[in-house]
Amino acid sequence: MNFFRPRHRTVLGLPALALLIVATGCSSADDEAAAAVPSPGTKVTKLCQNLDKALPRKVDGLDREDPEPRSALTAGWGSPAIILRCGVARPPKMVDPKVAEGGDPDAVGGGVNGVGWLMEKQGDGSYRFTTTLREAYVEVTLPKKLAERGDSSGALVDLAPAVKKAIPKGIAS
């Protein structure tokens, strides 16, 4: 029996694999925003689907570029993206007595064009806004780069008409 065993192993596949890994790591997919998709009940899901249909093409001058995975419960604008998630759970700070008394500088309540928002500064410098007194909680995250400009109202002004149209006033369950 004569088994053929090559003396030299071909390593051509290894450099090609390394090149593929590097190319994949630098792909434009890294620039795409990602957002966890909420999983609300049927009633809230329907409200969020209505909101998705009413959302503007531009927010704060940025074009709509929805995050991955695609869902009617999430939307995005620009890069780094302003991310909207509809049907999120009530933020814990909404029931925190320190916030209600104005004693938490990282969580403040306010209104923009008839829509109430809880504003929370995040540890990474971004801001999260969550609607208040609506039948579904809508969360908008403003990335640090945009938050550093000092004016977050542009995004909320642009989103307020869609929120008012699609999410009725009330208490989310």
N, C-alpha and C. Protein backbone atom coordinates (compact mmCIF):
# COMPACT_ATOMS: atom_id res chain seq x y z
N MET A 1 0.83 -1.18 0.00
CA MET A 1 0.00 0.00 0.00
C MET A 1 0.87 1.24 0.00
N ASN A 2 0.52 2.06 -0.88
CA ASN A 2 1.28 3.28 -1.02
C ASN A 2 0.34 4.46 -0.80
N PHE A 3 0.38 5.01 0.37
CA PHE A 3 -0.45 6.17 0.68
C PHE A 3 0.33 7.43 0.35
N PHE A 4 -0.32 8.27 -0.34
CA PHE A 4 0.32 9.53 -0.69
C PHE A 4 0.10 10.54 0.42
N ARG A 5 1.17 11.01 0.98
CA ARG A 5 1.12 12.07 1.98
C ARG A 5 2.01 13.21 1.52
N PRO A 6 1.43 14.33 1.29
CA PRO A 6 2.27 15.45 0.85
C PRO A 6 3.18 15.92 1.97
N ARG A 7 4.37 16.29 1.60
CA ARG A 7 5.33 16.77 2.58
C ARG A 7 5.04 18.20 2.99
N HIS A 8 4.46 18.98 2.09
CA HIS A 8 4.19 20.39 2.36
C HIS A 8 2.68 20.62 2.41
N ARG A 9 2.28 21.25 3.45
CA ARG A 9 0.86 21.58 3.54
C ARG A 9 0.61 22.92 2.86
N THR A 10 -0.49 22.99 2.22
CA THR A 10 -0.86 24.23 1.57
C THR A 10 -1.51 25.14 2.59
N VAL A 11 -1.00 26.34 2.71
CA VAL A 11 -1.55 27.30 3.66
C VAL A 11 -2.19 28.49 2.94
N LEU A 12 -2.47 28.28 1.68
CA LEU A 12 -3.09 29.33 0.90
C LEU A 12 -4.44 29.72 1.50
N GLY A 13 -5.17 28.78 2.06
CA GLY A 13 -6.47 29.06 2.63
C GLY A 13 -6.40 29.96 3.85
N LEU A 14 -5.35 29.88 4.64
CA LEU A 14 -5.23 30.67 5.85
C LEU A 14 -5.14 32.18 5.56
N PRO A 15 -4.26 32.63 4.66
CA PRO A 15 -4.25 34.06 4.37
C PRO A 15 -5.57 34.55 3.77
N ALA A 16 -6.18 33.73 2.95
CA ALA A 16 -7.46 34.13 2.37
C ALA A 16 -8.51 34.28 3.47
N LEU A 17 -8.50 33.37 4.43
CA LEU A 17 -9.44 33.44 5.55
C LEU A 17 -9.19 34.69 6.38
N ALA A 18 -7.91 34.99 6.64
CA ALA A 18 -7.58 36.18 7.42
C ALA A 18 -8.04 37.44 6.70
N LEU A 19 -7.84 37.49 5.39
CA LEU A 19 -8.28 38.63 4.61
C LEU A 19 -9.80 38.79 4.67
N LEU A 20 -10.51 37.68 4.61
CA LEU A 20 -11.96 37.70 4.68
C LEU A 20 -12.43 38.24 6.04
N ILE A 21 -11.77 37.81 7.10
CA ILE A 21 -12.14 38.28 8.45
C ILE A 21 -11.90 39.77 8.57
N VAL A 22 -10.75 40.25 8.09
CA VAL A 22 -10.45 41.68 8.15
C VAL A 22 -11.45 42.48 7.32
N ALA A 23 -11.76 42.00 6.13
CA ALA A 23 -12.70 42.70 5.26
C ALA A 23 -14.08 42.75 5.89
N THR A 24 -14.49 41.65 6.50
CA THR A 24 -15.79 41.62 7.16
C THR A 24 -15.82 42.59 8.33
N GLY A 25 -14.74 42.65 9.09
CA GLY A 25 -14.66 43.55 10.24
C GLY A 25 -14.75 45.01 9.85
N CYS A 26 -14.36 45.33 8.62
CA CYS A 26 -14.37 46.72 8.16
C CYS A 26 -15.56 47.03 7.28
N SER A 27 -16.50 46.13 7.19
CA SER A 27 -17.62 46.34 6.27
C SER A 27 -18.53 47.45 6.75
N SER A 28 -19.37 47.92 5.85
CA SER A 28 -20.30 48.99 6.19
C SER A 28 -21.38 48.51 7.14
N ALA A 29 -21.48 47.22 7.36
CA ALA A 29 -22.48 46.71 8.30
C ALA A 29 -22.21 47.23 9.70
N ASP A 30 -20.95 47.55 10.01
CA ASP A 30 -20.63 48.09 11.33
C ASP A 30 -21.27 49.46 11.54
N ASP A 31 -21.54 50.17 10.45
CA ASP A 31 -22.12 51.49 10.56
C ASP A 31 -23.63 51.44 10.78
N GLU A 32 -24.23 50.28 10.58
CA GLU A 32 -25.67 50.17 10.75
C GLU A 32 -26.04 50.17 12.22
N ALA A 33 -27.10 50.88 12.53
CA ALA A 33 -27.59 50.93 13.89
C ALA A 33 -28.32 49.64 14.22
N ALA A 34 -28.30 49.28 15.47
CA ALA A 34 -29.04 48.12 15.94
C ALA A 34 -29.92 48.57 17.10
N ALA A 35 -31.07 47.94 17.23
CA ALA A 35 -31.98 48.27 18.32
C ALA A 35 -32.72 47.02 18.74
N ALA A 36 -32.80 46.80 20.02
CA ALA A 36 -33.58 45.68 20.53
C ALA A 36 -35.05 45.96 20.26
N VAL A 37 -35.73 44.98 19.70
CA VAL A 37 -37.15 45.14 19.37
C VAL A 37 -37.98 44.80 20.60
N PRO A 38 -38.81 45.74 21.06
CA PRO A 38 -39.68 45.45 22.20
C PRO A 38 -40.70 44.35 21.86
N SER A 39 -41.30 43.78 22.87
CA SER A 39 -42.32 42.75 22.64
C SER A 39 -43.56 43.04 23.49
N PRO A 40 -44.30 44.09 23.11
CA PRO A 40 -45.50 44.46 23.86
C PRO A 40 -46.68 43.55 23.51
N GLY A 41 -47.78 43.76 24.20
CA GLY A 41 -49.01 43.03 23.91
C GLY A 41 -49.63 43.48 22.60
N THR A 42 -50.74 42.84 22.24
CA THR A 42 -51.40 43.07 20.96
C THR A 42 -51.87 44.51 20.79
N LYS A 43 -52.50 45.09 21.82
CA LYS A 43 -53.02 46.45 21.72
C LYS A 43 -51.89 47.45 21.48
N VAL A 44 -50.82 47.36 22.24
CA VAL A 44 -49.70 48.28 22.10
C VAL A 44 -48.99 48.06 20.76
N THR A 45 -48.86 46.81 20.34
CA THR A 45 -48.24 46.53 19.04
C THR A 45 -49.00 47.24 17.93
N LYS A 46 -50.32 47.21 17.97
CA LYS A 46 -51.14 47.88 16.96
C LYS A 46 -50.90 49.39 16.99
N LEU A 47 -50.84 49.97 18.19
CA LEU A 47 -50.55 51.40 18.30
C LEU A 47 -49.18 51.73 17.71
N CYS A 48 -48.20 50.89 17.99
CA CYS A 48 -46.84 51.11 17.48
C CYS A 48 -46.78 50.96 15.97
N GLN A 49 -47.54 50.04 15.41
CA GLN A 49 -47.59 49.91 13.95
C GLN A 49 -48.19 51.16 13.33
N ASN A 50 -49.20 51.74 13.98
CA ASN A 50 -49.78 52.99 13.51
C ASN A 50 -48.76 54.12 13.60
N LEU A 51 -47.98 54.13 14.68
CA LEU A 51 -46.94 55.15 14.83
C LEU A 51 -45.91 55.02 13.70
N ASP A 52 -45.51 53.81 13.40
CA ASP A 52 -44.51 53.58 12.35
C ASP A 52 -44.97 54.20 11.02
N LYS A 53 -46.25 54.07 10.72
CA LYS A 53 -46.81 54.63 9.48
C LYS A 53 -46.83 56.16 9.50
N ALA A 54 -46.91 56.75 10.70
CA ALA A 54 -47.02 58.20 10.82
C ALA A 54 -45.67 58.91 10.99
N LEU A 55 -44.61 58.16 11.21
CA LEU A 55 -43.30 58.77 11.48
C LEU A 55 -42.79 59.56 10.27
N PRO A 56 -42.08 60.66 10.55
CA PRO A 56 -41.55 61.47 9.45
C PRO A 56 -40.34 60.82 8.77
N ARG A 57 -40.09 61.22 7.54
CA ARG A 57 -38.92 60.74 6.79
C ARG A 57 -37.63 61.35 7.33
N LYS A 58 -37.75 62.55 7.90
CA LYS A 58 -36.57 63.23 8.47
C LYS A 58 -36.86 63.60 9.91
N VAL A 59 -35.85 63.47 10.75
CA VAL A 59 -35.92 63.91 12.13
C VAL A 59 -34.65 64.71 12.41
N ASP A 60 -34.84 65.92 12.88
CA ASP A 60 -33.71 66.81 13.17
C ASP A 60 -32.80 66.95 11.95
N GLY A 61 -33.40 66.94 10.76
CA GLY A 61 -32.66 67.08 9.51
C GLY A 61 -31.99 65.81 9.01
N LEU A 62 -32.18 64.69 9.72
CA LEU A 62 -31.53 63.43 9.36
C LEU A 62 -32.53 62.50 8.66
N ASP A 63 -32.06 61.80 7.62
CA ASP A 63 -32.90 60.86 6.88
C ASP A 63 -33.17 59.59 7.69
N ARG A 64 -34.34 59.03 7.44
CA ARG A 64 -34.71 57.79 8.12
C ARG A 64 -33.86 56.62 7.60
N GLU A 65 -33.23 55.92 8.53
CA GLU A 65 -32.42 54.73 8.26
C GLU A 65 -32.71 53.76 9.39
N ASP A 66 -33.69 52.88 9.21
CA ASP A 66 -34.13 52.00 10.28
C ASP A 66 -33.04 51.03 10.72
N PRO A 67 -33.01 50.76 12.04
CA PRO A 67 -32.00 49.86 12.59
C PRO A 67 -32.31 48.39 12.28
N GLU A 68 -31.33 47.57 12.53
CA GLU A 68 -31.50 46.11 12.42
C GLU A 68 -31.83 45.57 13.79
N PRO A 69 -32.61 44.54 13.91
CA PRO A 69 -33.41 43.93 12.87
C PRO A 69 -34.59 44.85 12.52
N ARG A 70 -35.03 44.81 11.29
CA ARG A 70 -36.14 45.65 10.83
C ARG A 70 -37.42 45.26 11.56
N SER A 71 -38.17 46.28 12.00
CA SER A 71 -39.41 46.04 12.72
C SER A 71 -40.25 47.31 12.68
N ALA A 72 -41.56 47.15 12.73
CA ALA A 72 -42.46 48.30 12.81
C ALA A 72 -42.42 48.92 14.21
N LEU A 73 -41.72 48.28 15.13
CA LEU A 73 -41.62 48.78 16.50
C LEU A 73 -40.35 49.61 16.73
N THR A 74 -39.50 49.72 15.71
CA THR A 74 -38.27 50.50 15.82
C THR A 74 -38.09 51.37 14.58
N ALA A 75 -37.38 52.48 14.76
CA ALA A 75 -37.07 53.36 13.64
C ALA A 75 -35.77 54.09 13.98
N GLY A 76 -35.12 54.61 12.96
CA GLY A 76 -33.89 55.34 13.19
C GLY A 76 -33.68 56.42 12.15
N TRP A 77 -32.89 57.41 12.52
CA TRP A 77 -32.57 58.52 11.62
C TRP A 77 -31.10 58.88 11.81
N GLY A 78 -30.36 58.94 10.70
CA GLY A 78 -28.98 59.40 10.71
C GLY A 78 -27.99 58.35 11.19
N SER A 79 -26.72 58.79 11.28
CA SER A 79 -25.63 57.95 11.75
C SER A 79 -24.60 58.85 12.42
N PRO A 80 -24.35 58.74 13.71
CA PRO A 80 -24.98 57.78 14.61
C PRO A 80 -26.47 58.07 14.72
N ALA A 81 -27.22 57.02 14.91
CA ALA A 81 -28.67 57.10 14.76
C ALA A 81 -29.42 57.58 15.99
N ILE A 82 -30.43 58.40 15.71
CA ILE A 82 -31.48 58.65 16.68
C ILE A 82 -32.37 57.40 16.56
N ILE A 83 -32.58 56.70 17.66
CA ILE A 83 -33.33 55.45 17.64
C ILE A 83 -34.66 55.62 18.38
N LEU A 84 -35.74 55.20 17.75
CA LEU A 84 -37.06 55.18 18.37
C LEU A 84 -37.46 53.72 18.55
N ARG A 85 -37.94 53.40 19.75
CA ARG A 85 -38.49 52.07 20.03
C ARG A 85 -39.86 52.27 20.65
N CYS A 86 -40.86 51.61 20.11
CA CYS A 86 -42.23 51.76 20.59
C CYS A 86 -42.65 50.47 21.29
N GLY A 87 -43.36 50.63 22.42
CA GLY A 87 -43.83 49.46 23.15
C GLY A 87 -42.85 49.00 24.21
N VAL A 88 -41.96 49.89 24.64
CA VAL A 88 -40.99 49.54 25.68
C VAL A 88 -41.70 49.49 27.04
N ALA A 89 -41.04 48.88 28.00
CA ALA A 89 -41.56 48.84 29.37
C ALA A 89 -41.43 50.22 30.02
N ARG A 90 -42.25 50.46 31.02
CA ARG A 90 -42.17 51.72 31.76
C ARG A 90 -40.79 51.83 32.41
N PRO A 91 -40.11 52.96 32.20
CA PRO A 91 -38.80 53.13 32.83
C PRO A 91 -38.93 53.17 34.34
N PRO A 92 -38.01 52.54 35.06
CA PRO A 92 -38.07 52.56 36.53
C PRO A 92 -38.08 53.97 37.11
N LYS A 93 -37.40 54.89 36.46
CA LYS A 93 -37.34 56.26 36.98
C LYS A 93 -38.67 56.97 36.92
N MET A 94 -39.63 56.44 36.16
CA MET A 94 -40.95 57.06 36.10
C MET A 94 -41.70 56.93 37.41
N VAL A 95 -41.32 55.98 38.21
CA VAL A 95 -41.98 55.80 39.50
C VAL A 95 -41.03 56.08 40.66
N ASP A 96 -39.86 56.63 40.35
CA ASP A 96 -38.87 56.95 41.37
C ASP A 96 -39.27 58.26 42.05
N PRO A 97 -39.46 58.25 43.38
CA PRO A 97 -39.86 59.48 44.07
C PRO A 97 -38.87 60.63 43.89
N LYS A 98 -37.59 60.33 43.75
CA LYS A 98 -36.59 61.39 43.55
C LYS A 98 -36.88 62.17 42.27
N VAL A 99 -37.31 61.46 41.21
CA VAL A 99 -37.60 62.11 39.94
C VAL A 99 -38.84 62.98 40.09
N ALA A 100 -39.87 62.43 40.72
CA ALA A 100 -41.12 63.17 40.90
C ALA A 100 -40.91 64.45 41.70
N GLU A 101 -39.96 64.42 42.62
CA GLU A 101 -39.68 65.59 43.45
C GLU A 101 -38.62 66.49 42.84
N GLY A 102 -38.11 66.14 41.67
CA GLY A 102 -37.09 66.95 41.02
C GLY A 102 -35.71 66.78 41.61
N GLY A 103 -35.50 65.69 42.35
CA GLY A 103 -34.21 65.49 43.03
C GLY A 103 -33.23 64.60 42.29
N ASP A 104 -33.49 64.25 41.04
CA ASP A 104 -32.57 63.42 40.27
C ASP A 104 -32.15 64.20 39.03
N PRO A 105 -30.91 64.74 39.03
CA PRO A 105 -30.49 65.55 37.89
C PRO A 105 -30.33 64.77 36.59
N ASP A 106 -30.29 63.45 36.65
CA ASP A 106 -30.15 62.63 35.45
C ASP A 106 -31.49 62.19 34.87
N ALA A 107 -32.60 62.59 35.49
CA ALA A 107 -33.93 62.24 34.99
C ALA A 107 -34.86 63.43 35.23
N VAL A 108 -35.35 64.01 34.14
CA VAL A 108 -36.17 65.21 34.23
C VAL A 108 -37.40 65.02 33.34
N GLY A 109 -38.54 65.49 33.81
CA GLY A 109 -39.76 65.43 33.00
C GLY A 109 -40.03 66.76 32.32
N GLY A 110 -40.70 66.70 31.18
CA GLY A 110 -41.04 67.92 30.46
C GLY A 110 -41.93 67.59 29.28
N GLY A 111 -42.35 68.61 28.56
CA GLY A 111 -43.21 68.41 27.41
C GLY A 111 -42.70 69.14 26.19
N VAL A 112 -42.98 68.57 25.03
CA VAL A 112 -42.62 69.19 23.76
C VAL A 112 -43.82 69.05 22.82
N ASN A 113 -44.40 70.18 22.46
CA ASN A 113 -45.53 70.22 21.53
C ASN A 113 -46.65 69.24 21.89
N GLY A 114 -47.03 69.24 23.16
CA GLY A 114 -48.17 68.44 23.59
C GLY A 114 -47.86 66.98 23.92
N VAL A 115 -46.59 66.61 23.89
CA VAL A 115 -46.19 65.24 24.26
C VAL A 115 -45.26 65.34 25.46
N GLY A 116 -45.62 64.61 26.54
CA GLY A 116 -44.78 64.58 27.73
C GLY A 116 -43.66 63.57 27.57
N TRP A 117 -42.48 63.93 28.12
CA TRP A 117 -41.31 63.07 28.02
C TRP A 117 -40.57 63.01 29.35
N LEU A 118 -40.03 61.86 29.66
CA LEU A 118 -39.07 61.70 30.74
C LEU A 118 -37.71 61.69 30.06
N MET A 119 -36.81 62.58 30.45
CA MET A 119 -35.47 62.63 29.87
C MET A 119 -34.49 62.03 30.87
N GLU A 120 -33.70 61.07 30.42
CA GLU A 120 -32.69 60.44 31.27
C GLU A 120 -31.33 60.50 30.59
N LYS A 121 -30.36 61.08 31.28
CA LYS A 121 -28.99 61.07 30.77
C LYS A 121 -28.40 59.69 31.03
N GLN A 122 -27.79 59.10 30.00
CA GLN A 122 -27.21 57.77 30.10
C GLN A 122 -25.72 57.88 30.44
N GLY A 123 -25.16 56.81 30.94
CA GLY A 123 -23.76 56.78 31.33
C GLY A 123 -22.79 57.04 30.18
N ASP A 124 -23.20 56.75 28.95
CA ASP A 124 -22.33 56.94 27.80
C ASP A 124 -22.45 58.33 27.18
N GLY A 125 -23.22 59.22 27.81
CA GLY A 125 -23.38 60.57 27.29
C GLY A 125 -24.58 60.77 26.39
N SER A 126 -25.26 59.69 26.06
CA SER A 126 -26.47 59.80 25.25
C SER A 126 -27.64 60.18 26.15
N TYR A 127 -28.77 60.51 25.53
CA TYR A 127 -29.99 60.81 26.28
C TYR A 127 -31.10 59.89 25.81
N ARG A 128 -31.91 59.44 26.76
CA ARG A 128 -33.09 58.64 26.43
C ARG A 128 -34.31 59.41 26.89
N PHE A 129 -35.27 59.53 25.95
CA PHE A 129 -36.54 60.21 26.22
C PHE A 129 -37.64 59.16 26.10
N THR A 130 -38.54 59.13 27.08
CA THR A 130 -39.66 58.18 27.04
C THR A 130 -40.95 58.96 27.24
N THR A 131 -41.93 58.68 26.38
CA THR A 131 -43.21 59.40 26.49
C THR A 131 -43.87 59.10 27.82
N THR A 132 -44.63 60.07 28.28
CA THR A 132 -45.41 59.91 29.50
C THR A 132 -46.88 60.14 29.17
N LEU A 133 -47.74 59.55 29.97
CA LEU A 133 -49.18 59.73 29.85
C LEU A 133 -49.70 59.43 28.44
N ARG A 134 -49.21 58.34 27.86
CA ARG A 134 -49.66 57.82 26.58
C ARG A 134 -49.96 56.33 26.76
N GLU A 135 -50.81 55.77 25.91
CA GLU A 135 -51.22 54.37 26.05
C GLU A 135 -50.12 53.37 25.68
N ALA A 136 -49.03 53.87 25.15
CA ALA A 136 -47.84 53.04 24.90
C ALA A 136 -46.62 53.90 25.19
N TYR A 137 -45.59 53.28 25.72
CA TYR A 137 -44.34 54.00 25.96
C TYR A 137 -43.52 54.01 24.68
N VAL A 138 -43.09 55.20 24.28
CA VAL A 138 -42.23 55.37 23.12
C VAL A 138 -40.92 55.94 23.64
N GLU A 139 -39.83 55.27 23.28
CA GLU A 139 -38.51 55.66 23.74
C GLU A 139 -37.70 56.18 22.55
N VAL A 140 -37.05 57.32 22.75
CA VAL A 140 -36.19 57.90 21.73
C VAL A 140 -34.81 58.10 22.35
N THR A 141 -33.79 57.53 21.71
CA THR A 141 -32.42 57.67 22.21
C THR A 141 -31.66 58.59 21.26
N LEU A 142 -31.11 59.63 21.84
CA LEU A 142 -30.31 60.60 21.12
C LEU A 142 -28.84 60.29 21.40
N PRO A 143 -28.05 59.93 20.38
CA PRO A 143 -26.66 59.55 20.62
C PRO A 143 -25.83 60.71 21.17
N LYS A 144 -24.75 60.38 21.85
CA LYS A 144 -23.88 61.36 22.49
C LYS A 144 -23.47 62.48 21.53
N LYS A 145 -23.09 62.10 20.31
CA LYS A 145 -22.62 63.09 19.33
C LYS A 145 -23.68 64.17 19.09
N LEU A 146 -24.94 63.77 19.01
CA LEU A 146 -26.01 64.74 18.80
C LEU A 146 -26.37 65.45 20.11
N ALA A 147 -26.30 64.73 21.21
CA ALA A 147 -26.62 65.32 22.51
C ALA A 147 -25.62 66.41 22.88
N GLU A 148 -24.38 66.26 22.43
CA GLU A 148 -23.34 67.25 22.75
C GLU A 148 -23.61 68.60 22.11
N ARG A 149 -24.45 68.63 21.08
CA ARG A 149 -24.82 69.91 20.46
C ARG A 149 -25.62 70.77 21.43
N GLY A 150 -26.22 70.13 22.43
CA GLY A 150 -26.93 70.87 23.46
C GLY A 150 -28.40 71.11 23.20
N ASP A 151 -28.94 70.70 22.06
CA ASP A 151 -30.35 70.92 21.78
C ASP A 151 -30.99 69.62 21.30
N SER A 152 -31.71 68.98 22.18
CA SER A 152 -32.36 67.73 21.83
C SER A 152 -33.79 67.96 21.35
N SER A 153 -34.26 69.19 21.43
CA SER A 153 -35.66 69.45 21.13
C SER A 153 -36.01 69.24 19.66
N GLY A 154 -35.05 69.37 18.74
CA GLY A 154 -35.35 69.21 17.32
C GLY A 154 -35.94 67.86 17.02
N ALA A 155 -35.35 66.81 17.56
CA ALA A 155 -35.87 65.45 17.33
C ALA A 155 -37.26 65.30 17.93
N LEU A 156 -37.46 65.80 19.14
CA LEU A 156 -38.75 65.64 19.80
C LEU A 156 -39.84 66.47 19.12
N VAL A 157 -39.47 67.65 18.63
CA VAL A 157 -40.43 68.49 17.89
C VAL A 157 -40.88 67.76 16.64
N ASP A 158 -39.93 67.13 15.94
CA ASP A 158 -40.27 66.42 14.70
C ASP A 158 -41.10 65.17 14.95
N LEU A 159 -40.91 64.52 16.10
CA LEU A 159 -41.63 63.27 16.41
C LEU A 159 -42.99 63.50 17.07
N ALA A 160 -43.18 64.65 17.71
CA ALA A 160 -44.41 64.91 18.46
C ALA A 160 -45.69 64.73 17.64
N PRO A 161 -45.79 65.25 16.41
CA PRO A 161 -47.05 65.08 15.68
C PRO A 161 -47.41 63.61 15.43
N ALA A 162 -46.42 62.79 15.12
CA ALA A 162 -46.69 61.36 14.88
C ALA A 162 -47.12 60.67 16.17
N VAL A 163 -46.46 61.00 17.27
CA VAL A 163 -46.83 60.40 18.56
C VAL A 163 -48.25 60.79 18.94
N LYS A 164 -48.58 62.09 18.80
CA LYS A 164 -49.94 62.56 19.13
C LYS A 164 -50.99 61.88 18.26
N LYS A 165 -50.67 61.67 16.99
CA LYS A 165 -51.62 61.07 16.05
C LYS A 165 -51.84 59.58 16.34
N ALA A 166 -50.78 58.86 16.67
CA ALA A 166 -50.86 57.39 16.74
C ALA A 166 -51.02 56.82 18.14
N ILE A 167 -50.53 57.52 19.15
CA ILE A 167 -50.55 56.99 20.52
C ILE A 167 -51.46 57.88 21.38
N PRO A 168 -52.67 57.41 21.67
CA PRO A 168 -53.60 58.23 22.44
C PRO A 168 -53.10 58.53 23.86
N LYS A 169 -53.60 59.64 24.40
CA LYS A 169 -53.31 59.97 25.80
C LYS A 169 -53.91 58.88 26.68
N GLY A 170 -53.26 58.65 27.78
CA GLY A 170 -53.73 57.65 28.73
C GLY A 170 -52.57 57.10 29.52
N ILE A 171 -52.83 56.01 30.20
CA ILE A 171 -51.79 55.36 31.01
C ILE A 171 -51.46 54.02 30.36
N ALA A 172 -50.20 53.83 30.01
CA ALA A 172 -49.77 52.55 29.43
C ALA A 172 -49.85 51.47 30.49
N SER A 173 -50.26 50.30 30.06
CA SER A 173 -50.33 49.21 31.05
C SER A 173 -49.12 48.32 31.00
